[in-house]
Amino acid sequence: MTSFVGILLLFAVAGVTAAALIGLGSVLGPKQSSEVKMKAFECGNAPSGDARGRFSVKFYLIAIMFVLFDVEAAFLFPWAVLYRDLGIVGLTTMGIFAVILGFGLFYVWKRGALEWD
């Protein structure tokens, strides 16, 4: 249990700091609200349309592909660190993994999933 004392201390300091900053912000911050402050804010532009509007399926498809290839990058880093220790078996396994992902990327590219209309 003594090996976790540093981690617990770090979490305690982070929690106290977060609570102190939130508390100070609510106590010292201005409390004047106006109609302009209560309006929805969209990146500096005036809000347009309903917030519950429907998105195209392509939006979700591209988001899923981003997550997929982001996870691929997460698998590549540990492999690169242990590349010499894994030998030819590790190289072959990662090669197969990269080829499968390459075929997947080629497939969605040819199907037009990456085209944004």
N, C-alpha and C. Protein backbone atom coordinates (compact mmCIF):
# COMPACT_ATOMS: atom_id res chain seq x y z
N MET A 1 0.83 -1.20 0.00
CA MET A 1 0.00 0.00 0.00
C MET A 1 0.87 1.26 0.00
N THR A 2 2.08 1.16 0.50
CA THR A 2 2.93 2.34 0.56
C THR A 2 3.37 2.80 -0.82
N SER A 3 3.31 1.92 -1.81
CA SER A 3 3.71 2.34 -3.16
C SER A 3 2.67 3.25 -3.79
N PHE A 4 1.45 3.24 -3.29
CA PHE A 4 0.40 4.07 -3.84
C PHE A 4 0.23 5.40 -3.12
N VAL A 5 1.03 5.66 -2.13
CA VAL A 5 0.89 6.90 -1.35
C VAL A 5 1.12 8.12 -2.24
N GLY A 6 2.11 8.06 -3.11
CA GLY A 6 2.39 9.19 -4.00
C GLY A 6 1.24 9.46 -4.95
N ILE A 7 0.65 8.40 -5.49
CA ILE A 7 -0.48 8.56 -6.41
C ILE A 7 -1.69 9.12 -5.67
N LEU A 8 -1.96 8.59 -4.47
CA LEU A 8 -3.08 9.10 -3.68
C LEU A 8 -2.87 10.56 -3.30
N LEU A 9 -1.64 10.91 -2.98
CA LEU A 9 -1.33 12.30 -2.66
C LEU A 9 -1.54 13.20 -3.88
N LEU A 10 -1.15 12.73 -5.05
CA LEU A 10 -1.36 13.50 -6.27
C LEU A 10 -2.84 13.71 -6.54
N PHE A 11 -3.66 12.66 -6.39
CA PHE A 11 -5.10 12.80 -6.58
C PHE A 11 -5.71 13.75 -5.56
N ALA A 12 -5.23 13.69 -4.33
CA ALA A 12 -5.74 14.58 -3.29
C ALA A 12 -5.42 16.03 -3.61
N VAL A 13 -4.19 16.30 -4.02
CA VAL A 13 -3.80 17.67 -4.38
C VAL A 13 -4.60 18.15 -5.58
N ALA A 14 -4.80 17.28 -6.58
CA ALA A 14 -5.58 17.67 -7.76
C ALA A 14 -7.02 17.95 -7.38
N GLY A 15 -7.61 17.13 -6.52
CA GLY A 15 -8.99 17.34 -6.09
C GLY A 15 -9.16 18.63 -5.30
N VAL A 16 -8.23 18.89 -4.37
CA VAL A 16 -8.29 20.12 -3.57
C VAL A 16 -8.12 21.34 -4.48
N THR A 17 -7.19 21.26 -5.44
CA THR A 17 -6.97 22.38 -6.36
C THR A 17 -8.21 22.65 -7.20
N ALA A 18 -8.81 21.59 -7.74
CA ALA A 18 -10.02 21.77 -8.56
C ALA A 18 -11.16 22.36 -7.73
N ALA A 19 -11.36 21.83 -6.53
CA ALA A 19 -12.43 22.34 -5.67
C ALA A 19 -12.18 23.80 -5.28
N ALA A 20 -10.92 24.14 -5.00
CA ALA A 20 -10.60 25.52 -4.64
C ALA A 20 -10.85 26.47 -5.81
N LEU A 21 -10.45 26.07 -7.01
CA LEU A 21 -10.67 26.95 -8.16
C LEU A 21 -12.15 27.12 -8.48
N ILE A 22 -12.92 26.05 -8.37
CA ILE A 22 -14.37 26.16 -8.61
C ILE A 22 -15.02 27.02 -7.54
N GLY A 23 -14.62 26.80 -6.28
CA GLY A 23 -15.17 27.61 -5.19
C GLY A 23 -14.82 29.08 -5.31
N LEU A 24 -13.56 29.37 -5.62
CA LEU A 24 -13.15 30.77 -5.78
C LEU A 24 -13.87 31.41 -6.97
N GLY A 25 -14.05 30.67 -8.03
CA GLY A 25 -14.75 31.22 -9.20
C GLY A 25 -16.20 31.55 -8.89
N SER A 26 -16.85 30.70 -8.10
CA SER A 26 -18.25 30.98 -7.78
C SER A 26 -18.39 32.09 -6.75
N VAL A 27 -17.41 32.24 -5.86
CA VAL A 27 -17.49 33.30 -4.84
C VAL A 27 -17.06 34.65 -5.41
N LEU A 28 -15.95 34.67 -6.15
CA LEU A 28 -15.40 35.93 -6.62
C LEU A 28 -15.91 36.36 -7.99
N GLY A 29 -16.50 35.44 -8.75
CA GLY A 29 -16.92 35.75 -10.11
C GLY A 29 -18.14 36.66 -10.15
N PRO A 30 -18.30 37.39 -11.27
CA PRO A 30 -19.46 38.27 -11.40
C PRO A 30 -20.75 37.45 -11.52
N LYS A 31 -21.82 38.00 -10.97
CA LYS A 31 -23.08 37.28 -10.96
C LYS A 31 -24.17 38.01 -11.74
N GLN A 32 -23.78 38.93 -12.60
CA GLN A 32 -24.77 39.68 -13.37
C GLN A 32 -25.05 38.92 -14.65
N SER A 33 -26.31 38.55 -14.83
CA SER A 33 -26.68 37.88 -16.07
C SER A 33 -27.50 38.84 -16.93
N SER A 34 -27.39 38.65 -18.22
CA SER A 34 -28.14 39.47 -19.16
C SER A 34 -28.66 38.56 -20.26
N GLU A 35 -29.48 39.12 -21.12
CA GLU A 35 -30.05 38.34 -22.21
C GLU A 35 -28.95 37.86 -23.17
N VAL A 36 -27.93 38.69 -23.38
CA VAL A 36 -26.85 38.32 -24.28
C VAL A 36 -26.05 37.15 -23.70
N LYS A 37 -25.79 37.18 -22.39
CA LYS A 37 -25.03 36.11 -21.76
C LYS A 37 -25.79 34.78 -21.75
N MET A 38 -27.10 34.83 -21.73
CA MET A 38 -27.91 33.63 -21.64
C MET A 38 -28.18 33.00 -23.01
N LYS A 39 -27.81 33.66 -24.10
CA LYS A 39 -28.01 33.10 -25.43
C LYS A 39 -27.01 31.98 -25.69
N ALA A 40 -27.40 31.06 -26.56
CA ALA A 40 -26.49 29.97 -26.95
C ALA A 40 -25.33 30.56 -27.73
N PHE A 41 -24.15 29.97 -27.56
CA PHE A 41 -22.94 30.46 -28.22
C PHE A 41 -22.38 29.36 -29.10
N GLU A 42 -22.22 29.64 -30.38
CA GLU A 42 -21.69 28.66 -31.32
C GLU A 42 -20.48 29.24 -32.03
N CYS A 43 -19.34 29.12 -31.42
CA CYS A 43 -18.07 29.51 -32.04
C CYS A 43 -18.05 30.95 -32.54
N GLY A 44 -18.69 31.84 -31.84
CA GLY A 44 -18.69 33.23 -32.24
C GLY A 44 -19.73 33.59 -33.27
N ASN A 45 -20.44 32.62 -33.79
CA ASN A 45 -21.50 32.88 -34.77
C ASN A 45 -22.85 32.88 -34.08
N ALA A 46 -23.77 33.57 -34.68
CA ALA A 46 -25.13 33.57 -34.16
C ALA A 46 -25.72 32.17 -34.34
N PRO A 47 -26.45 31.66 -33.35
CA PRO A 47 -27.02 30.33 -33.49
C PRO A 47 -27.98 30.25 -34.67
N SER A 48 -27.93 29.15 -35.38
CA SER A 48 -28.82 28.98 -36.53
C SER A 48 -29.49 27.62 -36.44
N GLY A 49 -30.77 27.59 -36.47
CA GLY A 49 -31.50 26.33 -36.47
C GLY A 49 -31.64 25.73 -35.09
N ASP A 50 -32.24 24.55 -35.09
CA ASP A 50 -32.49 23.84 -33.85
C ASP A 50 -31.25 23.01 -33.48
N ALA A 51 -30.95 22.92 -32.22
CA ALA A 51 -29.79 22.16 -31.77
C ALA A 51 -30.01 20.65 -31.93
N ARG A 52 -31.25 20.24 -32.09
CA ARG A 52 -31.56 18.82 -32.23
C ARG A 52 -31.69 18.40 -33.69
N GLY A 53 -31.03 19.13 -34.57
CA GLY A 53 -31.09 18.79 -35.99
C GLY A 53 -30.42 17.46 -36.28
N ARG A 54 -30.80 16.86 -37.37
CA ARG A 54 -30.24 15.56 -37.73
C ARG A 54 -28.94 15.74 -38.49
N PHE A 55 -28.02 14.82 -38.24
CA PHE A 55 -26.75 14.80 -38.94
C PHE A 55 -26.78 13.70 -39.98
N SER A 56 -25.97 13.87 -40.99
CA SER A 56 -25.85 12.85 -42.01
C SER A 56 -25.15 11.62 -41.42
N VAL A 57 -25.47 10.45 -41.97
CA VAL A 57 -24.84 9.22 -41.53
C VAL A 57 -23.34 9.26 -41.82
N LYS A 58 -22.94 9.99 -42.85
CA LYS A 58 -21.51 10.10 -43.19
C LYS A 58 -20.73 10.75 -42.05
N PHE A 59 -21.35 11.65 -41.33
CA PHE A 59 -20.68 12.28 -40.19
C PHE A 59 -20.28 11.21 -39.17
N TYR A 60 -21.20 10.32 -38.84
CA TYR A 60 -20.92 9.26 -37.88
C TYR A 60 -19.93 8.25 -38.44
N LEU A 61 -20.02 7.96 -39.73
CA LEU A 61 -19.10 7.01 -40.35
C LEU A 61 -17.66 7.53 -40.29
N ILE A 62 -17.48 8.80 -40.58
CA ILE A 62 -16.14 9.38 -40.51
C ILE A 62 -15.66 9.42 -39.06
N ALA A 63 -16.55 9.69 -38.13
CA ALA A 63 -16.15 9.68 -36.71
C ALA A 63 -15.71 8.29 -36.28
N ILE A 64 -16.42 7.25 -36.71
CA ILE A 64 -16.04 5.88 -36.35
C ILE A 64 -14.70 5.52 -36.99
N MET A 65 -14.51 5.93 -38.25
CA MET A 65 -13.23 5.64 -38.90
C MET A 65 -12.08 6.36 -38.21
N PHE A 66 -12.32 7.59 -37.75
CA PHE A 66 -11.29 8.31 -37.01
C PHE A 66 -10.90 7.54 -35.76
N VAL A 67 -11.88 7.06 -35.02
CA VAL A 67 -11.60 6.30 -33.80
C VAL A 67 -10.83 5.03 -34.15
N LEU A 68 -11.23 4.35 -35.22
CA LEU A 68 -10.56 3.12 -35.63
C LEU A 68 -9.09 3.37 -35.93
N PHE A 69 -8.79 4.39 -36.73
CA PHE A 69 -7.41 4.64 -37.09
C PHE A 69 -6.63 5.29 -35.95
N ASP A 70 -7.32 5.93 -35.03
CA ASP A 70 -6.65 6.44 -33.84
C ASP A 70 -6.21 5.28 -32.94
N VAL A 71 -7.06 4.27 -32.82
CA VAL A 71 -6.70 3.08 -32.05
C VAL A 71 -5.55 2.36 -32.73
N GLU A 72 -5.53 2.35 -34.05
CA GLU A 72 -4.41 1.74 -34.76
C GLU A 72 -3.10 2.43 -34.37
N ALA A 73 -3.11 3.73 -34.31
CA ALA A 73 -1.90 4.47 -33.91
C ALA A 73 -1.51 4.12 -32.48
N ALA A 74 -2.50 3.90 -31.62
CA ALA A 74 -2.21 3.52 -30.24
C ALA A 74 -1.55 2.14 -30.17
N PHE A 75 -1.87 1.26 -31.11
CA PHE A 75 -1.21 -0.04 -31.16
C PHE A 75 0.20 0.05 -31.76
N LEU A 76 0.44 1.02 -32.60
CA LEU A 76 1.75 1.13 -33.23
C LEU A 76 2.84 1.61 -32.27
N PHE A 77 2.52 2.45 -31.32
CA PHE A 77 3.54 2.98 -30.41
C PHE A 77 4.19 1.90 -29.54
N PRO A 78 3.42 1.05 -28.86
CA PRO A 78 4.08 0.01 -28.06
C PRO A 78 4.86 -0.97 -28.94
N TRP A 79 4.34 -1.24 -30.12
CA TRP A 79 5.05 -2.14 -31.03
C TRP A 79 6.39 -1.53 -31.43
N ALA A 80 6.40 -0.23 -31.70
CA ALA A 80 7.64 0.44 -32.10
C ALA A 80 8.66 0.42 -30.96
N VAL A 81 8.20 0.52 -29.73
CA VAL A 81 9.11 0.51 -28.60
C VAL A 81 9.75 -0.88 -28.43
N LEU A 82 8.97 -1.93 -28.66
CA LEU A 82 9.46 -3.29 -28.46
C LEU A 82 9.85 -3.98 -29.77
N TYR A 83 10.05 -3.21 -30.81
CA TYR A 83 10.29 -3.76 -32.15
C TYR A 83 11.45 -4.77 -32.16
N ARG A 84 12.58 -4.44 -31.60
CA ARG A 84 13.75 -5.32 -31.63
C ARG A 84 13.54 -6.58 -30.79
N ASP A 85 12.82 -6.46 -29.69
CA ASP A 85 12.58 -7.62 -28.82
C ASP A 85 11.58 -8.61 -29.43
N LEU A 86 10.65 -8.11 -30.24
CA LEU A 86 9.62 -8.98 -30.81
C LEU A 86 10.13 -9.80 -31.98
N GLY A 87 11.15 -9.32 -32.65
CA GLY A 87 11.74 -10.07 -33.75
C GLY A 87 10.84 -10.16 -34.97
N ILE A 88 11.04 -11.24 -35.73
CA ILE A 88 10.32 -11.41 -36.99
C ILE A 88 8.84 -11.71 -36.76
N VAL A 89 8.52 -12.34 -35.63
CA VAL A 89 7.11 -12.63 -35.34
C VAL A 89 6.34 -11.33 -35.13
N GLY A 90 6.92 -10.40 -34.38
CA GLY A 90 6.28 -9.10 -34.16
C GLY A 90 6.16 -8.31 -35.45
N LEU A 91 7.18 -8.37 -36.29
CA LEU A 91 7.14 -7.66 -37.57
C LEU A 91 6.05 -8.24 -38.47
N THR A 92 5.95 -9.56 -38.52
CA THR A 92 4.93 -10.20 -39.34
C THR A 92 3.53 -9.88 -38.84
N THR A 93 3.34 -9.96 -37.54
CA THR A 93 2.03 -9.67 -36.96
C THR A 93 1.60 -8.23 -37.24
N MET A 94 2.51 -7.30 -37.06
CA MET A 94 2.17 -5.89 -37.30
C MET A 94 1.97 -5.65 -38.80
N GLY A 95 2.72 -6.36 -39.63
CA GLY A 95 2.51 -6.23 -41.07
C GLY A 95 1.12 -6.68 -41.48
N ILE A 96 0.68 -7.82 -40.94
CA ILE A 96 -0.67 -8.31 -41.23
C ILE A 96 -1.71 -7.32 -40.73
N PHE A 97 -1.50 -6.79 -39.54
CA PHE A 97 -2.42 -5.79 -38.97
C PHE A 97 -2.50 -4.55 -39.87
N ALA A 98 -1.36 -4.07 -40.33
CA ALA A 98 -1.33 -2.87 -41.18
C ALA A 98 -1.97 -3.15 -42.55
N VAL A 99 -1.76 -4.34 -43.09
CA VAL A 99 -2.36 -4.68 -44.38
C VAL A 99 -3.88 -4.75 -44.27
N ILE A 100 -4.39 -5.35 -43.20
CA ILE A 100 -5.84 -5.42 -43.00
C ILE A 100 -6.42 -4.02 -42.89
N LEU A 101 -5.78 -3.15 -42.11
CA LEU A 101 -6.27 -1.77 -41.99
C LEU A 101 -6.15 -1.01 -43.31
N GLY A 102 -5.08 -1.30 -44.08
CA GLY A 102 -4.94 -0.68 -45.39
C GLY A 102 -6.06 -1.09 -46.33
N PHE A 103 -6.41 -2.39 -46.31
CA PHE A 103 -7.54 -2.85 -47.14
C PHE A 103 -8.84 -2.18 -46.70
N GLY A 104 -9.02 -2.03 -45.39
CA GLY A 104 -10.22 -1.35 -44.89
C GLY A 104 -10.27 0.09 -45.35
N LEU A 105 -9.15 0.79 -45.30
CA LEU A 105 -9.10 2.17 -45.76
C LEU A 105 -9.37 2.25 -47.26
N PHE A 106 -8.78 1.35 -48.02
CA PHE A 106 -9.00 1.32 -49.47
C PHE A 106 -10.48 1.06 -49.78
N TYR A 107 -11.10 0.15 -49.03
CA TYR A 107 -12.50 -0.18 -49.24
C TYR A 107 -13.41 1.03 -49.01
N VAL A 108 -13.23 1.70 -47.86
CA VAL A 108 -14.11 2.84 -47.58
C VAL A 108 -13.81 4.00 -48.52
N TRP A 109 -12.59 4.11 -48.99
CA TRP A 109 -12.25 5.15 -49.95
C TRP A 109 -12.96 4.90 -51.28
N LYS A 110 -12.91 3.66 -51.76
CA LYS A 110 -13.56 3.32 -53.02
C LYS A 110 -15.08 3.39 -52.92
N ARG A 111 -15.62 3.11 -51.76
CA ARG A 111 -17.07 3.19 -51.57
C ARG A 111 -17.57 4.63 -51.47
N GLY A 112 -16.63 5.59 -51.37
CA GLY A 112 -17.00 7.00 -51.30
C GLY A 112 -17.33 7.49 -49.91
N ALA A 113 -16.94 6.73 -48.88
CA ALA A 113 -17.26 7.13 -47.52
C ALA A 113 -16.48 8.35 -47.08
N LEU A 114 -15.38 8.63 -47.73
CA LEU A 114 -14.55 9.78 -47.35
C LEU A 114 -14.93 11.06 -48.10
N GLU A 115 -15.87 10.96 -49.01
CA GLU A 115 -16.33 12.13 -49.76
C GLU A 115 -17.38 12.86 -48.95
N TRP A 116 -17.16 14.13 -48.70
CA TRP A 116 -18.10 14.91 -47.91
C TRP A 116 -18.87 15.82 -48.86
N ASP A 117 -20.17 15.56 -48.99
CA ASP A 117 -21.02 16.35 -49.91
C ASP A 117 -21.55 17.57 -49.23
